[in-house]
Protein backbone atom coordinates (compact mmCIF):
# COMPACT_ATOMS: atom_id res chain seq x y z
CA MET A 1 0.00 0.00 0.00
CA SER A 2 1.45 3.34 -1.07
CA SER A 3 1.95 6.19 1.40
CA PRO A 4 -0.59 9.03 1.35
CA GLU A 5 0.52 12.08 -0.61
CA ILE A 6 1.44 14.98 1.65
CA THR A 7 0.24 18.43 0.62
CA LYS A 8 1.36 21.92 1.49
CA ASP A 9 -1.81 22.37 3.53
CA ASP A 10 -0.91 19.26 5.54
CA VAL A 11 2.47 20.78 6.36
CA LEU A 12 0.99 24.12 7.39
CA LYS A 13 -1.60 22.40 9.56
CA ALA A 14 1.16 20.46 11.34
CA LEU A 15 3.20 23.62 11.82
CA SER A 16 0.19 25.44 13.27
CA THR A 17 0.71 23.36 16.42
CA VAL A 18 4.22 24.76 16.93
CA HIS A 19 4.43 27.93 19.04
CA ASP A 20 7.13 30.56 19.34
CA PRO A 21 8.61 29.95 22.83
CA ASP A 22 8.58 33.65 23.74
CA LEU A 23 5.44 34.92 22.04
CA LYS A 24 3.32 31.81 22.77
CA ARG A 25 1.66 32.00 19.36
CA PRO A 26 1.71 29.55 16.42
CA LEU A 27 4.52 30.04 13.92
CA THR A 28 1.97 30.07 11.10
CA GLU A 29 -0.08 32.79 12.78
CA LEU A 30 3.02 34.95 13.23
CA GLY A 31 3.96 34.64 9.58
CA MET A 32 7.15 32.76 10.40
CA ILE A 33 6.69 29.96 7.84
CA GLU A 34 7.31 30.45 4.13
CA ASN A 35 8.45 28.68 0.96
CA VAL A 36 6.90 25.32 1.83
CA SER A 37 7.69 22.71 -0.81
CA VAL A 38 6.72 19.04 -1.00
CA CYS A 39 8.22 16.65 -3.53
CA ASP A 40 7.67 12.89 -3.28
CA ASN A 41 6.74 13.38 0.42
CA GLN A 42 10.02 15.13 1.08
CA VAL A 43 9.27 18.39 2.87
CA ARG A 44 11.29 21.58 2.97
CA PHE A 45 10.35 25.02 4.33
CA GLU A 46 11.86 28.20 5.70
CA ILE A 47 11.44 29.78 9.13
CA LYS A 48 11.48 33.56 9.38
CA LEU A 49 12.62 34.46 12.89
CA THR A 50 11.24 37.47 14.72
CA THR A 51 14.83 38.49 15.42
CA THR A 52 18.17 37.17 14.22
CA ALA A 53 19.26 37.31 17.86
CA CYS A 54 16.76 34.62 18.87
CA PRO A 55 18.60 32.33 21.33
CA LEU A 56 15.87 29.68 20.98
CA LYS A 57 16.05 29.29 17.21
CA GLY A 58 17.46 25.78 17.61
CA LYS A 59 14.40 24.75 19.60
CA ILE A 60 12.06 26.38 17.09
CA LYS A 61 13.72 24.48 14.23
CA ASP A 62 13.61 21.15 16.10
CA ASP A 63 9.98 21.59 17.15
CA ALA A 64 8.93 22.52 13.60
CA GLU A 65 10.72 19.59 11.97
CA ASN A 66 9.40 17.14 14.56
CA ALA A 67 5.82 18.34 14.04
CA VAL A 68 6.02 17.70 10.29
CA ARG A 69 7.67 14.31 10.81
CA GLN A 70 4.46 13.16 12.48
CA LEU A 71 2.62 13.33 9.14
CA PRO A 72 1.90 9.84 7.72
CA GLY A 73 4.20 8.95 4.86
CA VAL A 74 6.72 11.75 5.29
CA LYS A 75 10.18 10.75 4.07
CA SER A 76 12.30 13.70 5.15
CA VAL A 77 11.92 17.15 6.66
CA VAL A 78 14.34 20.05 6.35
CA ALA A 79 13.74 23.49 7.91
CA ASP A 80 16.02 26.33 6.88
CA PHE A 81 16.21 29.79 8.39
CA SER A 82 15.21 32.62 6.09
CA LYS A 83 17.64 35.49 5.58
CA GLU A 84 14.78 37.84 6.35
CA THR A 85 13.07 38.40 9.69
CA VAL A 86 9.35 38.78 10.21
CA THR A 87 8.02 42.24 11.04
CA LEU A 88 5.40 41.95 13.76
CA GLY A 89 4.30 45.55 13.88
CA ALA A 90 5.52 49.06 14.54
CA SER A 91 5.69 49.71 18.27
CA VAL A 92 6.44 53.44 17.81
CA PRO A 93 4.63 54.53 14.63
CA GLN A 94 4.52 58.22 15.59
CA LYS A 95 8.16 58.84 14.58
CA ALA A 96 9.80 58.32 11.21
CA PRO A 97 12.17 55.33 11.21
CA ILE A 98 15.92 55.81 10.83
CA GLU A 99 17.06 54.20 7.60
CA GLY A 100 18.42 50.70 8.07
CA ILE A 101 17.75 50.47 11.83
CA ARG A 102 14.96 48.12 12.87
CA ASN A 103 14.98 48.57 16.66
CA ILE A 104 16.46 51.23 18.93
CA ILE A 105 17.00 50.29 22.58
CA ALA A 106 17.86 53.03 25.08
CA VAL A 107 19.83 52.07 28.20
CA SER A 108 19.38 54.59 30.99
CA SER A 109 19.82 55.13 34.71
CA GLY A 110 18.57 57.66 37.21
CA LYS A 111 22.04 58.27 38.62
CA GLY A 112 25.64 57.62 37.73
CA GLY A 113 27.86 54.84 39.00
CA VAL A 114 25.32 52.01 38.69
CA GLY A 115 27.01 50.22 35.76
CA LYS A 116 24.71 51.48 33.00
CA SER A 117 27.45 51.50 30.35
CA THR A 118 28.56 48.02 31.41
CA VAL A 119 25.04 46.75 30.84
CA ALA A 120 24.82 48.57 27.49
CA VAL A 121 28.02 47.12 26.01
CA ASN A 122 27.28 43.60 27.23
CA LEU A 123 23.71 43.82 25.95
CA ALA A 124 25.04 44.86 22.53
CA CYS A 125 27.66 42.12 22.47
CA SER A 126 25.16 39.48 23.60
CA LEU A 127 22.83 40.44 20.77
CA ALA A 128 25.71 40.29 18.30
CA LYS A 129 26.76 36.86 19.59
CA SER A 130 23.23 35.63 18.92
CA GLY A 131 23.57 36.57 15.27
CA ALA A 132 22.01 40.03 15.18
CA ARG A 133 23.45 43.04 13.37
CA VAL A 134 24.16 45.48 16.19
CA GLY A 135 25.46 48.98 16.78
CA ILE A 136 26.00 50.95 19.97
CA LEU A 137 25.79 54.72 20.18
CA ASP A 138 27.58 56.43 23.04
CA ALA A 139 25.19 59.28 23.85
CA ASP A 140 26.83 59.91 27.23
CA VAL A 141 28.63 62.84 25.62
CA TYR A 142 30.12 64.29 28.81
CA GLY A 143 31.53 60.93 29.93
CA PRO A 144 32.04 58.76 26.84
CA ASN A 145 33.34 55.42 28.13
CA ILE A 146 32.05 53.07 25.44
CA PRO A 147 35.28 53.15 23.32
CA LEU A 148 37.29 52.05 26.38
CA MET A 149 34.89 49.22 27.19
CA MET A 150 34.77 48.11 23.54
CA GLY A 151 38.54 48.18 23.03
CA LEU A 152 38.52 51.09 20.56
CA THR A 153 40.50 53.77 22.39
CA ASP A 154 42.92 54.29 19.48
CA VAL A 155 40.22 55.28 16.99
CA THR A 156 40.38 58.90 15.79
CA MET A 157 38.37 61.08 13.42
CA ARG A 158 40.61 59.98 10.57
CA ASP A 159 39.52 56.36 11.04
CA LEU A 160 35.87 57.28 10.45
CA ALA A 161 36.39 58.20 6.79
CA PRO A 162 34.75 56.03 4.08
CA PRO A 163 36.73 52.83 3.33
CA ASP A 164 36.91 53.87 -0.33
CA PRO A 165 39.07 57.02 -0.60
CA ASP A 166 37.29 57.95 -3.84
CA SER A 167 33.84 57.75 -2.26
CA GLU A 168 31.70 60.88 -2.15
CA GLU A 169 29.89 59.56 0.91
CA LYS A 170 29.64 62.28 3.55
CA LYS A 171 28.72 60.04 6.46
CA LEU A 172 31.00 58.79 9.23
CA PHE A 173 31.82 55.08 9.13
CA PRO A 174 31.73 53.55 12.62
CA PRO A 175 34.54 51.23 13.72
CA GLN A 176 33.63 47.73 14.81
CA ASN A 177 34.78 45.36 17.53
CA HIS A 178 33.29 42.21 19.07
CA GLY A 179 30.81 42.19 16.18
CA VAL A 180 29.34 45.58 17.15
CA LYS A 181 29.54 48.91 15.31
CA VAL A 182 30.42 51.78 17.66
CA MET A 183 30.07 55.56 17.51
CA SER A 184 31.14 57.99 20.21
CA VAL A 185 32.12 61.63 20.59
CA ALA A 186 35.40 60.29 21.99
CA PHE A 187 36.41 59.47 18.40
CA LEU A 188 36.03 63.13 17.42
CA ILE A 189 38.00 64.91 20.15
CA GLU A 190 41.48 64.76 21.62
CA LYS A 191 42.02 62.27 24.40
CA GLU A 192 41.30 63.58 27.90
CA LYS A 193 39.82 66.78 26.45
CA PRO A 194 36.55 67.61 28.23
CA VAL A 195 33.35 68.19 26.30
CA ILE A 196 32.01 71.55 27.49
CA TRP A 197 28.87 72.07 25.48
CA ARG A 198 25.50 73.62 26.05
CA GLY A 199 22.28 71.73 25.31
CA PRO A 200 21.78 72.81 21.65
CA MET A 201 25.22 71.51 20.65
CA LEU A 202 24.60 68.20 22.35
CA ASP A 203 21.20 67.96 20.65
CA LYS A 204 22.76 68.54 17.22
CA LEU A 205 25.53 65.99 17.78
CA ILE A 206 23.16 63.21 18.84
CA ARG A 207 20.88 63.85 15.87
CA GLN A 208 23.90 63.67 13.57
CA PHE A 209 24.99 60.40 15.16
CA LEU A 210 21.56 58.97 14.37
CA THR A 211 21.34 60.11 10.75
CA ASP A 212 24.86 61.00 9.54
CA VAL A 213 26.59 57.74 10.50
CA ALA A 214 26.78 54.88 8.01
CA TRP A 215 25.21 52.32 10.34
CA GLY A 216 24.12 50.10 7.47
CA GLU A 217 21.45 47.50 8.21
CA LEU A 218 21.05 46.99 11.97
CA ASP A 219 18.65 44.76 13.86
CA TYR A 220 19.41 46.70 17.04
CA LEU A 221 20.99 50.04 17.87
CA VAL A 222 21.75 50.21 21.59
CA ILE A 223 22.01 53.78 22.90
CA ASP A 224 23.98 54.36 26.10
CA LEU A 225 22.41 57.47 27.61
CA PRO A 226 23.95 59.68 30.30
CA PRO A 227 22.50 59.31 33.79
CA GLY A 228 19.57 61.46 34.80
CA THR A 229 16.81 63.14 32.84
CA GLY A 230 18.49 65.79 30.72
CA ASP A 231 19.01 67.05 27.19
CA ALA A 232 20.34 63.79 25.71
CA GLN A 233 17.27 61.85 26.83
CA LEU A 234 14.93 64.51 25.44
CA THR A 235 16.72 64.52 22.08
CA ILE A 236 16.56 60.74 21.76
CA MET A 237 12.85 60.65 22.63
CA GLN A 238 12.10 63.43 20.14
CA ALA A 239 14.36 62.35 17.28
CA ALA A 240 14.28 58.55 17.29
CA PRO A 241 11.59 55.86 17.21
CA VAL A 242 12.82 54.13 20.37
CA ALA A 243 11.47 50.59 20.64
CA GLY A 244 11.97 50.61 24.39
CA ALA A 245 14.10 51.64 27.36
CA VAL A 246 16.08 49.50 29.79
CA ILE A 247 16.45 51.07 33.23
CA VAL A 248 19.60 50.14 35.19
CA THR A 249 19.74 50.47 38.96
CA THR A 250 21.47 49.02 42.00
CA PRO A 251 19.57 47.54 44.95
CA GLN A 252 19.88 50.43 47.41
CA GLU A 253 17.00 52.86 47.83
CA VAL A 254 18.91 55.97 46.70
CA SER A 255 19.44 54.39 43.28
CA ILE A 256 15.92 52.97 43.10
CA HIS A 257 14.51 56.41 43.92
CA ASP A 258 16.31 58.03 41.00
CA SER A 259 15.51 55.16 38.61
CA ARG A 260 11.80 55.76 39.16
CA LYS A 261 12.25 59.33 37.91
CA GLY A 262 14.04 58.12 34.79
CA LEU A 263 11.40 55.50 34.12
CA ASN A 264 8.58 58.02 34.45
CA MET A 265 10.42 60.36 32.09
CA PHE A 266 10.28 57.73 29.35
CA ARG A 267 6.63 57.08 30.08
CA GLN A 268 5.88 60.77 29.66
CA GLY A 269 7.68 60.61 26.32
CA ASN A 270 5.59 57.58 25.25
CA VAL A 271 8.63 55.30 25.16
CA PRO A 272 7.84 51.72 26.18
CA ILE A 273 9.70 50.35 29.21
CA LEU A 274 11.38 47.03 28.46
CA GLY A 275 12.20 46.48 32.11
CA ILE A 276 14.53 47.09 35.03
CA VAL A 277 18.01 45.60 35.42
CA GLU A 278 19.52 45.39 38.90
CA ASN A 279 23.31 45.64 38.71
CA MET A 280 25.61 44.79 41.65
CA SER A 281 22.84 42.62 43.08
CA TYR A 282 25.30 40.89 45.37
CA TYR A 283 29.01 40.34 45.81
CA LEU A 284 30.02 36.80 44.94
CA LEU A 285 32.50 35.61 47.56
CA PRO A 286 35.32 33.15 46.72
CA ASP A 287 33.48 30.32 48.47
CA GLY A 288 30.40 30.87 46.29
CA SER A 289 28.29 32.55 48.97
CA ARG A 290 26.65 35.93 48.46
CA ASP A 291 27.10 39.20 50.29
CA TYR A 292 24.24 41.64 49.61
CA ILE A 293 26.37 44.71 50.25
CA PHE A 294 23.88 47.15 48.65
CA GLY A 295 20.73 45.56 50.01
CA GLN A 296 18.56 42.87 48.53
CA GLY A 297 15.62 42.82 46.13
CA GLY A 298 15.34 46.56 45.51
CA GLY A 299 15.18 46.32 41.72
CA GLU A 300 12.66 43.50 41.69
CA LYS A 301 10.45 45.30 44.18
CA ALA A 302 10.59 48.53 42.16
CA ALA A 303 9.67 46.65 38.96
CA GLU A 304 6.65 45.14 40.67
CA GLU A 305 5.53 48.50 42.08
CA LEU A 306 5.95 50.25 38.72
CA GLY A 307 4.28 47.51 36.72
CA VAL A 308 7.24 46.65 34.48
CA ASP A 309 9.32 43.54 33.85
CA PHE A 310 12.25 42.70 36.09
CA LEU A 311 14.88 41.66 33.56
CA GLY A 312 17.33 40.21 36.08
CA GLY A 313 20.10 40.85 38.55
CA ILE A 314 23.85 40.95 37.85
CA PRO A 315 26.33 39.94 40.56
CA LEU A 316 29.36 42.03 41.42
CA VAL A 317 32.54 40.20 40.42
CA THR A 318 36.00 41.72 40.17
CA ARG A 319 36.69 40.25 36.74
CA LEU A 320 33.91 42.30 35.14
CA ARG A 321 35.73 45.53 36.02
CA GLU A 322 39.11 44.13 34.99
CA GLU A 323 37.90 42.99 31.58
CA ALA A 324 35.98 46.23 30.94
CA ASP A 325 39.16 48.23 31.56
CA GLN A 326 40.87 46.10 28.90
CA GLY A 327 38.10 46.56 26.33
CA ARG A 328 36.69 43.06 26.70
CA PRO A 329 33.01 42.90 27.72
CA ILE A 330 32.43 40.05 30.14
CA VAL A 331 30.12 38.15 27.74
CA ILE A 332 33.11 37.96 25.38
CA ALA A 333 35.92 37.47 27.92
CA ASP A 334 34.18 34.97 30.22
CA PRO A 335 31.11 33.61 28.40
CA ASP A 336 30.61 30.77 30.88
CA GLY A 337 30.85 32.98 33.97
CA VAL A 338 27.92 33.82 36.21
CA GLN A 339 27.85 37.46 35.12
CA ALA A 340 27.88 36.62 31.42
CA LYS A 341 25.05 34.15 31.89
CA ALA A 342 23.00 36.78 33.73
CA LEU A 343 23.64 39.40 31.03
CA GLU A 344 22.82 37.02 28.18
CA ASP A 345 19.58 36.09 29.91
CA ILE A 346 18.76 39.80 30.16
CA ALA A 347 19.49 40.21 26.43
CA HIS A 348 17.12 37.33 25.66
CA LYS A 349 14.36 38.94 27.72
CA VAL A 350 14.92 42.29 26.02
CA THR A 351 14.55 40.79 22.53
CA ALA A 352 11.48 38.84 23.64
CA ARG A 353 9.92 42.02 25.02
CA VAL A 354 10.66 43.98 21.83
CA CYS A 355 9.06 41.22 19.77
CA SER A 356 6.03 41.00 22.05
CA MET A 357 5.45 44.75 21.72
CA GLY A 358 5.46 44.35 17.96
CA LEU A 359 2.95 41.55 18.37
CA GLU A 360 0.74 43.78 20.52
CA ALA A 361 0.85 46.40 17.76
CA MET A 362 -0.64 43.83 15.38
CA GLN A 363 -3.71 43.19 17.48
CA PRO A 364 -6.99 44.45 15.99
CA VAL A 365 -8.67 47.27 17.83
CA THR A 366 -12.07 46.26 19.16
CA VAL A 367 -14.77 48.89 19.52
């Protein structure tokens, strides 16, 4: 008795039982399945991910192939990943998009010294490690530390010229390290020279960094903002379609108090809050025990009170500071360490939250 002939509809019906692990919706409903072909009961199809930085793409592929293998008579199943990603919806339609940049993520803090830039560079590098095209913009103009943390302290204005000397391109070309494109005012000024600018000059510079830099095609542009609620934050909220903001704090109340102000600033500017990150959650002692030197649970409690996601806590370990001073983000220098694991988990939650906001934007409005 010959095997039943499998159709494209059979394949799609089988795949409708497979859900995206983060969005909890069928792959077929999300538009993630395309180019289904069936020849002599040999099945092949493509999966369009919601983000190239999806850390669960292996599970999605396995689940999809296994679902189709359950069809009677199937001989083989091959799922490939599409070069394109699925667009779920515009989370910030009120602002014109910046050419080539799909998602802008702002990393902010209410006060300085909480490790905001550390979170920003490791978030960017984690996204790049997952396969995404990533850039990081150092908008902390008065204290630009991103080049140091990314190992690009020797870059000067001359290095930002177009690769082709005969090019008429007027844009700046950002240097790249650890798979991330980087732009900072530190590349434009002499080392150790202070930036003493009034608000209008800062506003103009940040706008130029958004539009006059050859970022190319980026899945994510991470923006490291200065602490507080000043001119840089206002410019970003006015000039860029920010997909969401990550608020960085430490556990003690003085930091939590200021982070609430920063969070409410973004809410007033209609910027979605991706969640709160608690840095320096505890000091990891040599014997593996924890010392909660700045208090315990402050970030998680604040997230609950403010109605936002708690993205995770990052322990305080000496190596993080040592590697940052050498231009090696901890997710690159010590990928199996406890801090790297915490930061990569935060990056996963950030991408899931960005995707879920796009999904929410797709929902029909009921009257």
